[in-house]
N, C-alpha and C. Protein backbone atom coordinates (compact mmCIF):
# COMPACT_ATOMS: atom_id res chain seq x y z
N UNK A 1 -21.84 -56.48 47.14
CA UNK A 1 -22.64 -55.27 47.09
C UNK A 1 -21.81 -54.11 46.52
N UNK A 2 -20.57 -54.06 46.96
CA UNK A 2 -19.71 -52.98 46.45
C UNK A 2 -19.55 -53.10 44.93
N UNK A 3 -19.42 -54.31 44.47
CA UNK A 3 -19.26 -54.54 43.04
C UNK A 3 -20.49 -54.05 42.28
N UNK A 4 -21.67 -54.23 42.83
CA UNK A 4 -22.91 -53.79 42.20
C UNK A 4 -22.98 -52.27 42.13
N UNK A 5 -22.58 -51.59 43.20
CA UNK A 5 -22.59 -50.12 43.23
C UNK A 5 -21.57 -49.59 42.22
N UNK A 6 -20.38 -50.14 42.18
CA UNK A 6 -19.35 -49.69 41.24
C UNK A 6 -19.81 -49.90 39.80
N UNK A 7 -20.43 -51.03 39.52
CA UNK A 7 -20.91 -51.31 38.17
C UNK A 7 -22.00 -50.32 37.77
N UNK A 8 -22.88 -49.97 38.72
CA UNK A 8 -23.96 -49.02 38.44
C UNK A 8 -23.38 -47.64 38.13
N UNK A 9 -22.34 -47.23 38.87
CA UNK A 9 -21.70 -45.93 38.62
C UNK A 9 -21.04 -45.89 37.24
N UNK A 10 -20.38 -46.96 36.86
CA UNK A 10 -19.77 -47.03 35.55
C UNK A 10 -20.81 -46.95 34.43
N UNK A 11 -21.92 -47.63 34.60
CA UNK A 11 -22.99 -47.61 33.60
C UNK A 11 -23.56 -46.21 33.48
N UNK A 12 -23.79 -45.56 34.63
CA UNK A 12 -24.32 -44.19 34.61
C UNK A 12 -23.34 -43.22 33.96
N UNK A 13 -22.06 -43.40 34.23
CA UNK A 13 -21.04 -42.54 33.63
C UNK A 13 -21.00 -42.70 32.12
N UNK A 14 -21.20 -43.89 31.64
CA UNK A 14 -21.18 -44.15 30.20
C UNK A 14 -22.39 -43.54 29.51
N UNK A 15 -23.47 -43.32 30.23
CA UNK A 15 -24.69 -42.78 29.65
C UNK A 15 -24.81 -41.26 29.86
N UNK A 16 -23.73 -40.59 30.16
CA UNK A 16 -23.81 -39.15 30.44
C UNK A 16 -24.18 -38.39 29.17
N UNK A 17 -24.64 -37.17 29.36
CA UNK A 17 -25.08 -36.33 28.25
C UNK A 17 -23.94 -35.47 27.71
N UNK A 18 -22.71 -35.80 27.98
CA UNK A 18 -21.55 -35.03 27.50
C UNK A 18 -21.41 -35.13 26.00
N UNK A 19 -20.62 -34.22 25.41
CA UNK A 19 -20.42 -34.22 23.97
C UNK A 19 -19.65 -35.46 23.50
N UNK A 20 -19.94 -35.87 22.31
CA UNK A 20 -19.23 -37.01 21.73
C UNK A 20 -17.83 -36.56 21.32
N UNK A 21 -17.01 -37.50 20.97
CA UNK A 21 -15.64 -37.19 20.53
C UNK A 21 -15.67 -36.32 19.27
N UNK A 22 -16.60 -36.62 18.37
CA UNK A 22 -16.72 -35.82 17.15
C UNK A 22 -17.12 -34.37 17.47
N UNK A 23 -18.02 -34.20 18.41
CA UNK A 23 -18.44 -32.84 18.82
C UNK A 23 -17.29 -32.10 19.46
N UNK A 24 -16.52 -32.80 20.28
CA UNK A 24 -15.35 -32.17 20.92
C UNK A 24 -14.33 -31.73 19.88
N UNK A 25 -14.08 -32.57 18.90
CA UNK A 25 -13.13 -32.23 17.84
C UNK A 25 -13.62 -31.03 17.02
N UNK A 26 -14.92 -30.99 16.76
CA UNK A 26 -15.48 -29.86 16.01
C UNK A 26 -15.33 -28.56 16.82
N UNK A 27 -15.57 -28.65 18.14
CA UNK A 27 -15.41 -27.47 19.00
C UNK A 27 -13.96 -26.99 19.02
N UNK A 28 -13.03 -27.92 19.13
CA UNK A 28 -11.61 -27.57 19.14
C UNK A 28 -11.22 -26.93 17.80
N UNK A 29 -11.69 -27.48 16.70
CA UNK A 29 -11.38 -26.93 15.38
C UNK A 29 -11.93 -25.52 15.23
N UNK A 30 -13.12 -25.27 15.76
CA UNK A 30 -13.71 -23.93 15.67
C UNK A 30 -12.90 -22.92 16.48
N UNK A 31 -12.50 -23.31 17.67
CA UNK A 31 -11.68 -22.41 18.49
C UNK A 31 -10.35 -22.12 17.81
N UNK A 32 -9.70 -23.13 17.28
CA UNK A 32 -8.41 -22.94 16.60
C UNK A 32 -8.56 -22.05 15.37
N UNK A 33 -9.66 -22.20 14.63
CA UNK A 33 -9.88 -21.39 13.44
C UNK A 33 -10.09 -19.91 13.78
N UNK A 34 -10.63 -19.64 14.94
CA UNK A 34 -10.92 -18.26 15.34
C UNK A 34 -9.81 -17.61 16.15
N UNK A 35 -8.74 -18.32 16.41
CA UNK A 35 -7.64 -17.73 17.16
C UNK A 35 -6.76 -16.92 16.23
N UNK A 36 -6.30 -15.77 16.73
CA UNK A 36 -5.36 -14.94 15.97
C UNK A 36 -3.98 -15.11 16.57
N UNK A 37 -2.98 -15.18 15.72
CA UNK A 37 -1.63 -15.23 16.26
C UNK A 37 -1.32 -13.89 16.92
N UNK A 38 -0.35 -13.85 17.80
CA UNK A 38 -0.02 -12.57 18.44
C UNK A 38 0.46 -11.57 17.40
N UNK A 39 0.27 -10.31 17.71
CA UNK A 39 0.71 -9.25 16.79
C UNK A 39 2.22 -9.35 16.58
N UNK A 40 2.61 -9.17 15.34
CA UNK A 40 4.02 -9.22 14.96
C UNK A 40 4.72 -7.96 15.47
N UNK A 41 5.95 -8.12 15.94
CA UNK A 41 6.71 -6.96 16.39
C UNK A 41 7.04 -6.08 15.19
N UNK A 42 6.84 -4.79 15.33
CA UNK A 42 7.04 -3.86 14.22
C UNK A 42 7.96 -2.74 14.69
N UNK A 43 9.12 -2.64 14.10
CA UNK A 43 10.07 -1.58 14.43
C UNK A 43 10.52 -0.92 13.13
N UNK A 44 10.06 0.32 12.88
CA UNK A 44 10.46 0.98 11.64
C UNK A 44 11.93 1.40 11.66
N UNK A 45 12.55 1.38 10.48
CA UNK A 45 13.93 1.83 10.32
C UNK A 45 13.94 3.34 10.09
N UNK A 46 15.03 4.01 10.46
CA UNK A 46 15.12 5.44 10.11
C UNK A 46 15.21 5.62 8.59
N UNK A 47 14.56 6.65 8.11
CA UNK A 47 14.62 6.99 6.69
C UNK A 47 15.69 8.07 6.55
N UNK A 48 16.84 7.66 6.04
CA UNK A 48 17.97 8.59 5.90
C UNK A 48 17.97 9.21 4.51
N UNK A 49 18.87 10.14 4.31
CA UNK A 49 18.91 10.84 3.03
C UNK A 49 19.17 9.89 1.87
N UNK A 50 19.98 8.85 2.10
CA UNK A 50 20.25 7.92 0.99
C UNK A 50 18.99 7.17 0.58
N UNK A 51 18.08 6.87 1.52
CA UNK A 51 16.81 6.23 1.16
C UNK A 51 15.88 7.24 0.47
N UNK A 52 15.93 8.49 0.90
CA UNK A 52 15.12 9.52 0.25
C UNK A 52 15.55 9.66 -1.21
N UNK A 53 16.85 9.65 -1.45
CA UNK A 53 17.34 9.73 -2.83
C UNK A 53 17.01 8.46 -3.61
N UNK A 54 17.25 7.31 -3.01
CA UNK A 54 17.03 6.02 -3.69
C UNK A 54 15.59 5.86 -4.14
N UNK A 55 14.64 6.22 -3.27
CA UNK A 55 13.22 6.02 -3.57
C UNK A 55 12.53 7.30 -4.06
N UNK A 56 13.31 8.37 -4.26
CA UNK A 56 12.77 9.65 -4.75
C UNK A 56 11.61 10.13 -3.87
N UNK A 57 11.88 10.28 -2.59
CA UNK A 57 10.86 10.69 -1.62
C UNK A 57 10.89 12.20 -1.36
N UNK A 58 11.19 12.97 -2.37
CA UNK A 58 11.26 14.42 -2.24
C UNK A 58 9.87 15.02 -2.43
N UNK A 59 9.61 16.12 -1.76
CA UNK A 59 8.35 16.84 -1.95
C UNK A 59 7.78 17.31 -0.64
N UNK A 60 6.66 18.00 -0.77
CA UNK A 60 5.98 18.55 0.40
C UNK A 60 5.30 17.45 1.20
N UNK A 61 5.27 17.63 2.50
CA UNK A 61 4.61 16.67 3.38
C UNK A 61 5.11 16.79 4.79
N UNK A 62 4.92 15.74 5.56
CA UNK A 62 5.33 15.71 6.97
C UNK A 62 6.13 14.44 7.23
N UNK A 63 7.08 14.54 8.15
CA UNK A 63 7.85 13.36 8.57
C UNK A 63 7.73 13.22 10.08
N UNK A 64 7.90 12.00 10.56
CA UNK A 64 7.78 11.73 12.00
C UNK A 64 9.07 11.10 12.51
N UNK A 65 9.62 11.69 13.58
CA UNK A 65 10.79 11.14 14.27
C UNK A 65 10.40 10.89 15.73
N UNK A 66 10.51 9.65 16.21
CA UNK A 66 10.09 9.34 17.59
C UNK A 66 11.03 9.95 18.61
N UNK A 67 10.48 10.27 19.78
CA UNK A 67 11.29 10.76 20.90
C UNK A 67 12.34 9.71 21.24
N UNK A 68 13.55 10.15 21.51
CA UNK A 68 14.61 9.24 21.91
C UNK A 68 15.23 8.47 20.76
N UNK A 69 14.79 8.72 19.55
CA UNK A 69 15.31 7.98 18.41
C UNK A 69 16.22 8.81 17.52
N UNK A 70 16.68 9.95 18.03
CA UNK A 70 17.51 10.82 17.22
C UNK A 70 16.66 11.63 16.27
N UNK A 71 17.30 12.17 15.25
CA UNK A 71 16.59 13.01 14.29
C UNK A 71 16.07 12.25 13.09
N UNK A 72 16.33 10.95 13.03
CA UNK A 72 15.91 10.16 11.87
C UNK A 72 14.41 9.94 11.86
N UNK A 73 13.79 10.36 10.76
CA UNK A 73 12.35 10.13 10.58
C UNK A 73 12.11 8.64 10.32
N UNK A 74 10.99 8.12 10.82
CA UNK A 74 10.64 6.73 10.57
C UNK A 74 9.39 6.62 9.70
N UNK A 75 8.74 7.76 9.42
CA UNK A 75 7.57 7.78 8.54
C UNK A 75 7.55 9.10 7.79
N UNK A 76 7.14 9.03 6.53
CA UNK A 76 6.95 10.23 5.72
C UNK A 76 5.53 10.18 5.18
N UNK A 77 4.82 11.30 5.34
CA UNK A 77 3.44 11.43 4.87
C UNK A 77 3.38 12.54 3.83
N UNK A 78 2.95 12.19 2.61
CA UNK A 78 2.85 13.16 1.53
C UNK A 78 1.41 13.21 1.02
N UNK A 79 1.17 14.02 0.01
CA UNK A 79 -0.19 14.23 -0.48
C UNK A 79 -0.87 12.93 -0.92
N UNK A 80 -0.16 12.10 -1.67
CA UNK A 80 -0.78 10.88 -2.22
C UNK A 80 -0.34 9.59 -1.55
N UNK A 81 0.87 9.59 -0.98
CA UNK A 81 1.41 8.37 -0.40
C UNK A 81 2.15 8.65 0.90
N UNK A 82 2.27 7.60 1.70
CA UNK A 82 3.09 7.63 2.90
C UNK A 82 4.10 6.51 2.81
N UNK A 83 5.18 6.62 3.59
CA UNK A 83 6.28 5.66 3.50
C UNK A 83 6.84 5.33 4.87
N UNK A 84 7.16 4.07 5.06
CA UNK A 84 7.88 3.58 6.23
C UNK A 84 8.86 2.53 5.71
N UNK A 85 10.06 2.51 6.27
CA UNK A 85 11.02 1.46 5.92
C UNK A 85 11.08 0.51 7.11
N UNK A 86 10.95 -0.79 6.81
CA UNK A 86 10.99 -1.82 7.86
C UNK A 86 11.86 -2.96 7.36
N UNK A 87 12.84 -3.33 8.16
CA UNK A 87 13.78 -4.40 7.79
C UNK A 87 14.41 -4.14 6.43
N UNK A 88 14.67 -2.87 6.15
CA UNK A 88 15.32 -2.49 4.90
C UNK A 88 14.39 -2.39 3.70
N UNK A 89 13.13 -2.73 3.86
CA UNK A 89 12.17 -2.69 2.75
C UNK A 89 11.27 -1.47 2.86
N UNK A 90 11.06 -0.79 1.74
CA UNK A 90 10.17 0.37 1.71
C UNK A 90 8.72 -0.12 1.65
N UNK A 91 7.93 0.32 2.62
CA UNK A 91 6.49 0.04 2.63
C UNK A 91 5.78 1.28 2.12
N UNK A 92 4.90 1.11 1.15
CA UNK A 92 4.15 2.23 0.58
C UNK A 92 2.71 2.17 1.09
N UNK A 93 2.17 3.35 1.35
CA UNK A 93 0.81 3.48 1.87
C UNK A 93 0.06 4.51 1.02
N UNK A 94 -1.19 4.25 0.73
CA UNK A 94 -2.02 5.20 0.01
C UNK A 94 -2.63 6.18 1.02
N UNK A 95 -2.63 7.45 0.66
CA UNK A 95 -3.24 8.46 1.52
C UNK A 95 -4.75 8.27 1.54
N UNK A 96 -5.34 8.37 2.72
CA UNK A 96 -6.79 8.33 2.86
C UNK A 96 -7.29 9.75 2.63
N UNK A 97 -7.77 10.04 1.43
CA UNK A 97 -8.14 11.41 1.08
C UNK A 97 -9.36 11.90 1.85
N UNK A 98 -10.05 11.01 2.53
CA UNK A 98 -11.18 11.41 3.37
C UNK A 98 -10.75 11.75 4.79
N UNK A 99 -9.48 11.50 5.11
CA UNK A 99 -9.00 11.81 6.46
C UNK A 99 -8.60 13.28 6.56
N UNK A 100 -8.32 13.70 7.77
CA UNK A 100 -7.97 15.10 8.04
C UNK A 100 -6.70 15.49 7.28
N UNK A 101 -6.74 16.68 6.69
CA UNK A 101 -5.56 17.18 5.98
C UNK A 101 -4.62 17.84 6.96
N UNK A 102 -3.35 17.49 6.87
CA UNK A 102 -2.30 18.07 7.69
C UNK A 102 -1.60 19.15 6.87
N UNK A 103 -0.68 19.90 7.46
CA UNK A 103 0.05 20.91 6.68
C UNK A 103 0.77 20.29 5.48
N UNK A 104 0.97 21.08 4.46
CA UNK A 104 1.69 20.69 3.24
C UNK A 104 1.08 19.47 2.57
N UNK A 105 -0.23 19.41 2.56
CA UNK A 105 -1.02 18.41 1.83
C UNK A 105 -0.91 16.98 2.37
N UNK A 106 -0.21 16.78 3.47
CA UNK A 106 -0.15 15.44 4.07
C UNK A 106 -1.53 15.09 4.61
N UNK A 107 -1.74 13.83 4.86
CA UNK A 107 -3.01 13.35 5.42
C UNK A 107 -2.77 12.69 6.77
N UNK A 108 -3.83 12.54 7.50
CA UNK A 108 -3.79 11.95 8.84
C UNK A 108 -3.71 10.42 8.79
N UNK A 109 -4.31 9.79 7.76
CA UNK A 109 -4.37 8.33 7.68
C UNK A 109 -3.82 7.84 6.34
N UNK A 110 -3.12 6.68 6.43
CA UNK A 110 -2.54 6.04 5.25
C UNK A 110 -2.76 4.54 5.37
N UNK A 111 -3.05 3.90 4.24
CA UNK A 111 -3.35 2.47 4.24
C UNK A 111 -2.44 1.74 3.26
N UNK A 112 -1.85 0.62 3.73
CA UNK A 112 -1.00 -0.21 2.89
C UNK A 112 -1.57 -1.61 2.77
N UNK A 113 -0.80 -2.51 2.16
CA UNK A 113 -1.26 -3.87 1.96
C UNK A 113 -1.35 -4.65 3.28
N UNK A 114 -0.35 -4.49 4.15
CA UNK A 114 -0.32 -5.25 5.40
C UNK A 114 -0.51 -4.37 6.63
N UNK A 115 -0.25 -3.09 6.50
CA UNK A 115 -0.30 -2.18 7.64
C UNK A 115 -0.98 -0.88 7.24
N UNK A 116 -1.37 -0.11 8.25
CA UNK A 116 -1.87 1.24 8.05
C UNK A 116 -1.24 2.10 9.13
N UNK A 117 -1.23 3.42 8.90
CA UNK A 117 -0.73 4.29 9.96
C UNK A 117 -1.53 5.56 10.06
N UNK A 118 -1.52 6.11 11.27
CA UNK A 118 -2.16 7.38 11.58
C UNK A 118 -1.09 8.31 12.12
N UNK A 119 -1.00 9.48 11.53
CA UNK A 119 -0.08 10.51 11.97
C UNK A 119 -0.91 11.66 12.52
N UNK A 120 -0.72 11.96 13.78
CA UNK A 120 -1.43 13.07 14.43
C UNK A 120 -0.43 14.12 14.84
N UNK A 121 -0.86 15.37 14.81
CA UNK A 121 0.00 16.45 15.29
C UNK A 121 -0.84 17.54 15.91
N UNK A 122 -0.20 18.32 16.76
CA UNK A 122 -0.85 19.44 17.45
C UNK A 122 -0.54 20.71 16.66
N UNK A 123 -1.44 21.07 15.74
CA UNK A 123 -1.19 22.18 14.83
C UNK A 123 -1.01 23.52 15.54
N UNK A 124 -1.73 23.73 16.63
CA UNK A 124 -1.65 25.02 17.31
C UNK A 124 -0.30 25.23 18.00
N UNK A 125 0.46 24.19 18.20
CA UNK A 125 1.74 24.32 18.89
C UNK A 125 2.94 24.32 17.96
N UNK A 126 2.73 24.52 16.68
CA UNK A 126 3.83 24.46 15.72
C UNK A 126 4.80 25.63 15.85
N UNK A 127 6.09 25.32 15.63
CA UNK A 127 7.13 26.35 15.66
C UNK A 127 7.93 26.27 14.37
N UNK A 128 8.11 27.41 13.73
CA UNK A 128 8.88 27.42 12.49
C UNK A 128 10.32 27.04 12.81
N UNK A 129 10.85 26.07 12.04
CA UNK A 129 12.20 25.57 12.29
C UNK A 129 13.14 25.82 11.12
N UNK A 130 12.62 26.26 10.01
CA UNK A 130 13.41 26.54 8.83
C UNK A 130 12.64 27.44 7.90
N UNK A 131 13.23 27.71 6.75
CA UNK A 131 12.59 28.61 5.79
C UNK A 131 11.20 28.12 5.40
N UNK A 132 11.06 26.82 5.13
CA UNK A 132 9.77 26.25 4.74
C UNK A 132 9.38 25.05 5.60
N UNK A 133 9.80 25.00 6.85
CA UNK A 133 9.46 23.87 7.72
C UNK A 133 8.93 24.35 9.07
N UNK A 134 8.01 23.58 9.59
CA UNK A 134 7.44 23.84 10.91
C UNK A 134 7.46 22.54 11.70
N UNK A 135 7.85 22.63 12.97
CA UNK A 135 7.90 21.46 13.86
C UNK A 135 6.68 21.44 14.77
N UNK A 136 6.13 20.23 14.98
CA UNK A 136 4.96 20.03 15.83
C UNK A 136 5.23 18.85 16.74
N UNK A 137 4.54 18.79 17.85
CA UNK A 137 4.49 17.58 18.66
C UNK A 137 3.43 16.69 18.03
N UNK A 138 3.69 15.40 18.02
CA UNK A 138 2.71 14.51 17.42
C UNK A 138 2.93 13.06 17.80
N UNK A 139 2.21 12.18 17.11
CA UNK A 139 2.31 10.75 17.38
C UNK A 139 2.10 9.96 16.10
N UNK A 140 2.64 8.76 16.10
CA UNK A 140 2.49 7.82 14.99
C UNK A 140 1.98 6.50 15.57
N UNK A 141 0.91 5.98 14.96
CA UNK A 141 0.36 4.68 15.35
C UNK A 141 0.29 3.82 14.09
N UNK A 142 0.92 2.64 14.13
CA UNK A 142 0.89 1.69 13.02
C UNK A 142 0.05 0.50 13.46
N UNK A 143 -0.87 0.07 12.59
CA UNK A 143 -1.74 -1.07 12.87
C UNK A 143 -1.52 -2.15 11.81
N UNK A 144 -1.72 -3.40 12.21
CA UNK A 144 -1.60 -4.51 11.26
C UNK A 144 -2.93 -4.74 10.56
N UNK A 145 -2.99 -5.76 9.70
CA UNK A 145 -4.20 -6.04 8.93
C UNK A 145 -5.38 -6.43 9.81
N UNK A 146 -5.12 -6.86 11.04
CA UNK A 146 -6.19 -7.20 11.98
C UNK A 146 -6.55 -6.02 12.87
N UNK A 147 -6.07 -4.84 12.52
CA UNK A 147 -6.33 -3.58 13.22
C UNK A 147 -5.75 -3.55 14.64
N UNK A 148 -4.68 -4.32 14.86
CA UNK A 148 -4.00 -4.30 16.16
C UNK A 148 -2.83 -3.32 16.10
N UNK A 149 -2.64 -2.56 17.17
CA UNK A 149 -1.53 -1.62 17.23
C UNK A 149 -0.23 -2.41 17.33
N UNK A 150 0.70 -2.18 16.37
CA UNK A 150 1.98 -2.87 16.38
C UNK A 150 3.14 -1.90 16.64
N UNK A 151 2.86 -0.61 16.53
CA UNK A 151 3.88 0.41 16.83
C UNK A 151 3.15 1.68 17.23
N UNK A 152 3.66 2.32 18.28
CA UNK A 152 3.06 3.58 18.74
C UNK A 152 4.14 4.40 19.41
N UNK A 153 4.25 5.66 19.00
CA UNK A 153 5.27 6.53 19.58
C UNK A 153 4.85 7.98 19.48
N UNK A 154 5.33 8.77 20.43
CA UNK A 154 5.20 10.23 20.40
C UNK A 154 6.52 10.77 19.88
N UNK A 155 6.46 11.96 19.30
CA UNK A 155 7.70 12.52 18.81
C UNK A 155 7.51 13.83 18.07
N UNK A 156 8.46 14.10 17.20
CA UNK A 156 8.51 15.33 16.42
C UNK A 156 7.92 15.09 15.04
N UNK A 157 6.98 15.93 14.64
CA UNK A 157 6.43 15.90 13.29
C UNK A 157 6.90 17.18 12.62
N UNK A 158 7.65 17.03 11.54
CA UNK A 158 8.14 18.19 10.82
C UNK A 158 7.46 18.24 9.46
N UNK A 159 6.81 19.36 9.18
CA UNK A 159 6.10 19.52 7.92
C UNK A 159 6.74 20.64 7.12
N UNK A 160 6.84 20.42 5.82
CA UNK A 160 7.44 21.43 4.97
C UNK A 160 7.62 20.94 3.55
N UNK A 161 8.34 21.75 2.80
CA UNK A 161 8.59 21.41 1.40
C UNK A 161 10.07 21.24 1.16
């Protein structure tokens, strides 16, 4: 009798309405295709005077130096382009001319091939720091091509010519 009950359970299990192996493989392939790898770590390099000279980054605009990172700017925002150096390579960004205009013709948003960045500043709190420069509190947010935040910092935004 036990053998009959066990055989009946096996037969019923074989006739279940579960997905076939092909359906399971298709489901797994769909999930794998829709998965995104984790966001890549992004740490900008300081833009020193030698890089400014090398890449001819002179002109009016704004630069961003993160809190606790010394005086070295890690992003430069100008009228037509923005710049960040990462792993020794200069990344160029096109200014979003539809975004908010910052002092000295800089823009709030810049878009590159793999990344974009937003530079925000508190204009009402600016303090003149030089003949043609004003310092503001602000922030820099860098996003990857999947619109994930890969770098975010508060710091000093200096605008001038």
